[in-house]
Amino acid sequence: RPPAIRSLDARPGSDIFVIGTSRCELWEVDSEPSMLVAGHVADLAAVDAHPRSPELFMTAAEGERAYLWDASERRLRGVTE
């Protein structure tokens, strides 16, 4: 069974989308979709592309934390408490 899309955002000024799934995955979708991150802490509730830095985006899951990701390095850069 394929994962459900839980959140979706477009990178400003581009044809690239960032998608969060029910399997705790983040995908970058353009002409060649690729997984950015697998194993997010919980089902993604929201994803938001940075308005000026196309490599950065935020995610939120269950709980009271937001996560800052760097797509160019495919790594977590920070977590809110």
N, C-alpha and C. Protein backbone atom coordinates (compact mmCIF):
# COMPACT_ATOMS: atom_id res chain seq x y z
N ARG A 1 0.85 -1.17 0.00
CA ARG A 1 0.00 0.00 0.00
C ARG A 1 0.90 1.23 0.00
N PRO A 2 0.69 2.17 -0.90
CA PRO A 2 1.54 3.36 -0.96
C PRO A 2 1.27 4.29 0.22
N PRO A 3 2.27 5.09 0.59
CA PRO A 3 2.08 6.02 1.71
C PRO A 3 1.11 7.14 1.32
N ALA A 4 0.44 7.69 2.32
CA ALA A 4 -0.46 8.82 2.10
C ALA A 4 0.34 10.12 2.16
N ILE A 5 -0.03 11.07 1.35
CA ILE A 5 0.58 12.40 1.41
C ILE A 5 -0.06 13.14 2.57
N ARG A 6 0.76 13.59 3.51
CA ARG A 6 0.27 14.31 4.69
C ARG A 6 0.45 15.82 4.57
N SER A 7 1.45 16.23 3.79
CA SER A 7 1.71 17.66 3.64
C SER A 7 2.40 17.91 2.31
N LEU A 8 2.24 19.13 1.80
CA LEU A 8 2.77 19.48 0.49
C LEU A 8 3.05 20.97 0.45
N ASP A 9 4.19 21.34 -0.11
CA ASP A 9 4.50 22.75 -0.31
C ASP A 9 5.35 22.87 -1.57
N ALA A 10 5.23 24.00 -2.25
CA ALA A 10 6.04 24.27 -3.44
C ALA A 10 7.18 25.20 -3.06
N ARG A 11 8.34 24.96 -3.65
CA ARG A 11 9.46 25.88 -3.44
C ARG A 11 9.15 27.16 -4.21
N PRO A 12 9.26 28.30 -3.56
CA PRO A 12 8.93 29.57 -4.22
C PRO A 12 9.72 29.77 -5.51
N GLY A 13 9.00 30.16 -6.57
CA GLY A 13 9.64 30.48 -7.83
C GLY A 13 10.15 29.28 -8.60
N SER A 14 9.67 28.08 -8.28
CA SER A 14 10.17 26.89 -8.98
C SER A 14 9.03 25.91 -9.24
N ASP A 15 9.35 24.83 -9.93
CA ASP A 15 8.40 23.75 -10.17
C ASP A 15 8.68 22.56 -9.25
N ILE A 16 9.34 22.81 -8.12
CA ILE A 16 9.74 21.75 -7.20
C ILE A 16 8.80 21.75 -5.99
N PHE A 17 8.35 20.56 -5.62
CA PHE A 17 7.50 20.38 -4.46
C PHE A 17 8.23 19.57 -3.40
N VAL A 18 7.89 19.83 -2.14
CA VAL A 18 8.36 19.01 -1.03
C VAL A 18 7.12 18.36 -0.43
N ILE A 19 7.18 17.03 -0.25
CA ILE A 19 6.03 16.27 0.21
C ILE A 19 6.41 15.47 1.45
N GLY A 20 5.53 15.48 2.45
CA GLY A 20 5.68 14.65 3.64
C GLY A 20 4.67 13.52 3.59
N THR A 21 5.08 12.31 3.97
CA THR A 21 4.18 11.14 3.87
C THR A 21 3.86 10.53 5.23
N SER A 22 2.90 9.62 5.19
CA SER A 22 2.50 8.89 6.39
C SER A 22 3.55 7.88 6.83
N ARG A 23 4.57 7.66 6.01
CA ARG A 23 5.67 6.75 6.37
C ARG A 23 6.88 7.53 6.88
N CYS A 24 6.65 8.76 7.30
CA CYS A 24 7.72 9.59 7.88
C CYS A 24 8.84 9.87 6.87
N GLU A 25 8.47 10.06 5.61
CA GLU A 25 9.45 10.36 4.56
C GLU A 25 9.21 11.76 4.04
N LEU A 26 10.29 12.38 3.60
CA LEU A 26 10.22 13.66 2.89
C LEU A 26 10.72 13.45 1.48
N TRP A 27 9.94 13.90 0.52
CA TRP A 27 10.31 13.75 -0.88
C TRP A 27 10.41 15.11 -1.55
N GLU A 28 11.39 15.25 -2.42
CA GLU A 28 11.50 16.41 -3.29
C GLU A 28 11.02 15.93 -4.66
N VAL A 29 10.00 16.59 -5.18
CA VAL A 29 9.39 16.14 -6.43
C VAL A 29 9.58 17.19 -7.51
N ASP A 30 10.33 16.79 -8.53
CA ASP A 30 10.50 17.59 -9.75
C ASP A 30 10.48 16.60 -10.90
N SER A 31 11.25 16.80 -11.93
CA SER A 31 11.25 15.85 -13.05
C SER A 31 11.82 14.49 -12.65
N GLU A 32 12.63 14.47 -11.58
CA GLU A 32 13.19 13.22 -11.05
C GLU A 32 12.99 13.19 -9.54
N PRO A 33 11.84 12.69 -9.06
CA PRO A 33 11.58 12.67 -7.61
C PRO A 33 12.67 11.92 -6.84
N SER A 34 12.99 12.44 -5.64
CA SER A 34 13.97 11.77 -4.80
C SER A 34 13.58 11.95 -3.34
N MET A 35 13.94 10.95 -2.53
CA MET A 35 13.67 11.03 -1.10
C MET A 35 14.75 11.90 -0.45
N LEU A 36 14.31 12.87 0.32
CA LEU A 36 15.24 13.74 1.04
C LEU A 36 15.61 13.14 2.39
N VAL A 37 14.61 12.68 3.10
CA VAL A 37 14.81 12.17 4.46
C VAL A 37 13.86 11.01 4.69
N ALA A 38 14.35 9.94 5.30
CA ALA A 38 13.51 8.84 5.72
C ALA A 38 13.66 8.70 7.22
N GLY A 39 12.59 8.37 7.90
CA GLY A 39 12.68 8.13 9.33
C GLY A 39 12.42 9.34 10.18
N HIS A 40 11.59 10.26 9.71
CA HIS A 40 11.16 11.38 10.53
C HIS A 40 10.56 10.80 11.80
N VAL A 41 10.54 11.55 12.87
CA VAL A 41 10.13 11.07 14.19
C VAL A 41 8.71 10.51 14.20
N ALA A 42 7.79 11.15 13.51
CA ALA A 42 6.39 10.72 13.50
C ALA A 42 5.78 11.12 12.17
N ASP A 43 4.53 10.72 11.95
CA ASP A 43 3.85 11.14 10.72
C ASP A 43 3.94 12.64 10.57
N LEU A 44 4.28 13.07 9.39
CA LEU A 44 4.42 14.50 9.13
C LEU A 44 3.05 15.18 9.10
N ALA A 45 2.95 16.30 9.77
CA ALA A 45 1.71 17.07 9.77
C ALA A 45 1.83 18.29 8.86
N ALA A 46 3.06 18.78 8.67
CA ALA A 46 3.26 19.98 7.86
C ALA A 46 4.67 20.03 7.30
N VAL A 47 4.80 20.64 6.13
CA VAL A 47 6.10 20.91 5.54
C VAL A 47 6.00 22.28 4.88
N ASP A 48 7.06 23.08 5.01
CA ASP A 48 7.04 24.44 4.48
C ASP A 48 8.42 24.78 3.93
N ALA A 49 8.48 25.14 2.66
CA ALA A 49 9.73 25.53 2.03
C ALA A 49 10.11 26.95 2.47
N HIS A 50 11.40 27.19 2.66
CA HIS A 50 11.88 28.52 3.04
C HIS A 50 11.65 29.46 1.86
N PRO A 51 11.15 30.68 2.10
CA PRO A 51 10.83 31.58 0.99
C PRO A 51 12.05 32.13 0.23
N ARG A 52 13.23 32.16 0.86
CA ARG A 52 14.40 32.73 0.19
C ARG A 52 15.58 31.77 0.03
N SER A 53 15.59 30.69 0.81
CA SER A 53 16.68 29.71 0.73
C SER A 53 16.10 28.38 0.25
N PRO A 54 16.21 28.09 -1.05
CA PRO A 54 15.53 26.92 -1.61
C PRO A 54 15.97 25.58 -1.03
N GLU A 55 17.13 25.52 -0.40
CA GLU A 55 17.60 24.25 0.16
C GLU A 55 17.03 23.99 1.56
N LEU A 56 16.39 24.98 2.18
CA LEU A 56 15.89 24.82 3.55
C LEU A 56 14.37 24.64 3.57
N PHE A 57 13.91 23.81 4.50
CA PHE A 57 12.49 23.67 4.73
C PHE A 57 12.25 23.21 6.16
N MET A 58 11.04 23.46 6.65
CA MET A 58 10.64 23.09 8.00
C MET A 58 9.60 21.99 7.93
N THR A 59 9.61 21.13 8.94
CA THR A 59 8.56 20.13 9.08
C THR A 59 8.04 20.15 10.51
N ALA A 60 6.84 19.63 10.66
CA ALA A 60 6.24 19.46 11.99
C ALA A 60 5.56 18.10 12.02
N ALA A 61 5.57 17.50 13.18
CA ALA A 61 4.93 16.20 13.38
C ALA A 61 4.12 16.27 14.66
N GLU A 62 3.66 15.12 15.14
CA GLU A 62 2.97 15.11 16.41
C GLU A 62 3.91 15.64 17.49
N GLY A 63 3.36 16.30 18.47
CA GLY A 63 4.20 16.89 19.51
C GLY A 63 4.33 18.38 19.26
N GLU A 64 5.23 19.01 19.96
CA GLU A 64 5.34 20.46 19.90
C GLU A 64 6.69 20.90 19.35
N ARG A 65 7.20 20.19 18.37
CA ARG A 65 8.49 20.53 17.80
C ARG A 65 8.38 20.78 16.30
N ALA A 66 9.26 21.64 15.82
CA ALA A 66 9.41 21.86 14.38
C ALA A 66 10.86 21.56 14.04
N TYR A 67 11.10 21.08 12.83
CA TYR A 67 12.43 20.62 12.41
C TYR A 67 12.88 21.41 11.19
N LEU A 68 14.12 21.90 11.22
CA LEU A 68 14.70 22.61 10.10
C LEU A 68 15.63 21.65 9.35
N TRP A 69 15.38 21.46 8.06
CA TRP A 69 16.13 20.51 7.23
C TRP A 69 16.90 21.25 6.15
N ASP A 70 18.01 20.69 5.76
CA ASP A 70 18.82 21.20 4.65
C ASP A 70 18.79 20.13 3.54
N ALA A 71 18.08 20.42 2.46
CA ALA A 71 17.93 19.44 1.38
C ALA A 71 19.24 19.23 0.63
N SER A 72 20.08 20.25 0.54
CA SER A 72 21.33 20.10 -0.21
C SER A 72 22.28 19.14 0.49
N GLU A 73 22.22 19.08 1.83
CA GLU A 73 23.07 18.17 2.60
C GLU A 73 22.30 16.97 3.12
N ARG A 74 20.98 16.96 2.89
CA ARG A 74 20.10 15.89 3.36
C ARG A 74 20.31 15.59 4.85
N ARG A 75 20.21 16.68 5.64
CA ARG A 75 20.41 16.50 7.07
C ARG A 75 19.55 17.47 7.87
N LEU A 76 19.33 17.12 9.13
CA LEU A 76 18.61 17.95 10.07
C LEU A 76 19.54 19.06 10.54
N ARG A 77 19.08 20.32 10.50
CA ARG A 77 19.91 21.44 10.95
C ARG A 77 19.49 21.98 12.30
N GLY A 78 18.25 21.70 12.72
CA GLY A 78 17.83 22.21 14.02
C GLY A 78 16.44 21.74 14.40
N VAL A 79 16.15 21.82 15.70
CA VAL A 79 14.85 21.42 16.25
C VAL A 79 14.43 22.47 17.25
N THR A 80 13.15 22.86 17.20
CA THR A 80 12.63 23.77 18.21
C THR A 80 12.26 22.98 19.45
N GLU A 81 12.30 23.61 20.58
CA GLU A 81 11.92 22.95 21.84
C GLU A 81 10.65 23.55 22.37
